[in-house]
Amino acid sequence: MRISPQTITFSETEVIPWRQVRRVRMSGDKLRFDLIDGAVKELGDLSPHTIDLAFRTFDAYVRHHKEEESSEEGKGPQKKKQRY
């Protein structure tokens, strides 16, 4: 497994972007990725470092995504001030 700021690589053929992940959590001794389409990916036998990295990377992605959304909300059509 490989974790980058944009994706999680489970295998050579399975790469999932963070935008498709709804939640990351521990389920027993396995790291669980709940995807937005309802699918679940579970991985076991991971080092504490890898588990921590997954949580920190997902948290950073969510925070960055929320910042982008809030900055885009302010970019809507601006009302011009009327002068009398």
Protein backbone atom coordinates (compact mmCIF):
# COMPACT_ATOMS: atom_id res chain seq x y z
CA MET A 1 0.00 0.00 0.00
CA ARG A 2 1.19 3.49 -0.84
CA ILE A 3 -0.31 6.75 0.40
CA SER A 4 0.07 10.08 -1.36
CA PRO A 5 -1.72 13.41 -0.85
CA GLN A 6 -4.02 12.59 -3.80
CA THR A 7 -4.45 8.80 -3.78
CA ILE A 8 -4.21 5.50 -1.93
CA THR A 9 -2.56 2.74 -3.93
CA PHE A 10 -3.75 -0.67 -2.77
CA SER A 11 -2.11 -2.61 -5.61
CA GLU A 12 -0.72 -1.99 -9.09
CA THR A 13 -4.24 -2.11 -10.50
CA GLU A 14 -6.20 -0.49 -7.66
CA VAL A 15 -5.69 3.21 -6.98
CA ILE A 16 -8.38 5.20 -5.19
CA PRO A 17 -8.43 9.01 -5.03
CA TRP A 18 -9.03 10.52 -1.59
CA ARG A 19 -12.12 12.29 -2.98
CA GLN A 20 -13.78 8.85 -3.17
CA VAL A 21 -13.15 8.13 0.54
CA ARG A 22 -15.94 9.03 2.95
CA ARG A 23 -14.22 7.90 6.16
CA VAL A 24 -11.05 6.24 7.46
CA ARG A 25 -11.28 4.25 10.69
CA MET A 26 -9.98 1.28 12.59
CA SER A 27 -12.13 -1.85 12.73
CA GLY A 28 -10.51 -4.24 15.15
CA ASP A 29 -6.92 -4.54 13.96
CA LYS A 30 -7.69 -3.47 10.37
CA LEU A 31 -7.60 -0.07 8.72
CA ARG A 32 -10.93 0.51 7.03
CA PHE A 33 -11.65 2.89 4.13
CA ASP A 34 -15.39 3.57 3.67
CA LEU A 35 -15.89 4.78 0.10
CA ILE A 36 -18.60 7.15 -1.11
CA ASP A 37 -20.10 4.44 -3.34
CA GLY A 38 -20.71 2.24 -0.28
CA ALA A 39 -17.76 -0.10 -0.88
CA VAL A 40 -15.32 -0.83 1.94
CA LYS A 41 -11.61 -1.58 1.72
CA GLU A 42 -9.97 -3.18 4.75
CA LEU A 43 -6.27 -3.70 5.23
CA GLY A 44 -4.55 -5.55 8.04
CA ASP A 45 -0.99 -6.14 9.18
CA LEU A 46 -0.04 -2.49 8.79
CA SER A 47 2.64 -0.70 10.75
CA PRO A 48 1.59 1.98 13.23
CA HIS A 49 3.40 4.51 11.00
CA THR A 50 1.30 3.54 7.95
CA ILE A 51 -1.93 3.71 9.95
CA ASP A 52 -1.01 7.14 11.33
CA LEU A 53 -0.03 8.35 7.84
CA ALA A 54 -3.40 7.25 6.42
CA PHE A 55 -5.33 9.17 9.09
CA ARG A 56 -3.16 12.29 8.80
CA THR A 57 -3.29 12.31 4.99
CA PHE A 58 -7.08 11.88 4.92
CA ASP A 59 -7.47 14.65 7.52
CA ALA A 60 -5.26 16.98 5.46
CA TYR A 61 -7.25 16.20 2.30
CA VAL A 62 -10.56 16.93 4.04
CA ARG A 63 -9.26 20.20 5.54
CA HIS A 64 -7.87 21.35 2.18
CA HIS A 65 -11.09 20.42 0.38
CA LYS A 66 -13.19 22.38 2.89
CA GLU A 67 -10.94 25.43 2.48
CA GLU A 68 -11.41 25.27 -1.31
CA GLU A 69 -15.20 25.04 -0.93
CA SER A 70 -15.36 28.00 1.44
CA SER A 71 -13.16 30.14 -0.82
CA GLU A 72 -15.31 29.28 -3.85
CA GLU A 73 -18.46 30.34 -1.99
CA GLY A 74 -17.09 33.87 -1.82
CA LYS A 75 -16.48 33.96 -5.59
CA GLY A 76 -20.13 34.14 -6.58
CA PRO A 77 -21.64 37.12 -8.38
CA GLN A 78 -20.90 40.28 -6.49
CA LYS A 79 -23.57 42.90 -5.97
CA LYS A 80 -22.55 46.38 -6.97
CA LYS A 81 -23.10 49.08 -4.44
CA GLN A 82 -25.69 51.56 -5.56
CA ARG A 83 -24.94 55.24 -5.30
CA TYR A 84 -27.74 57.72 -4.74
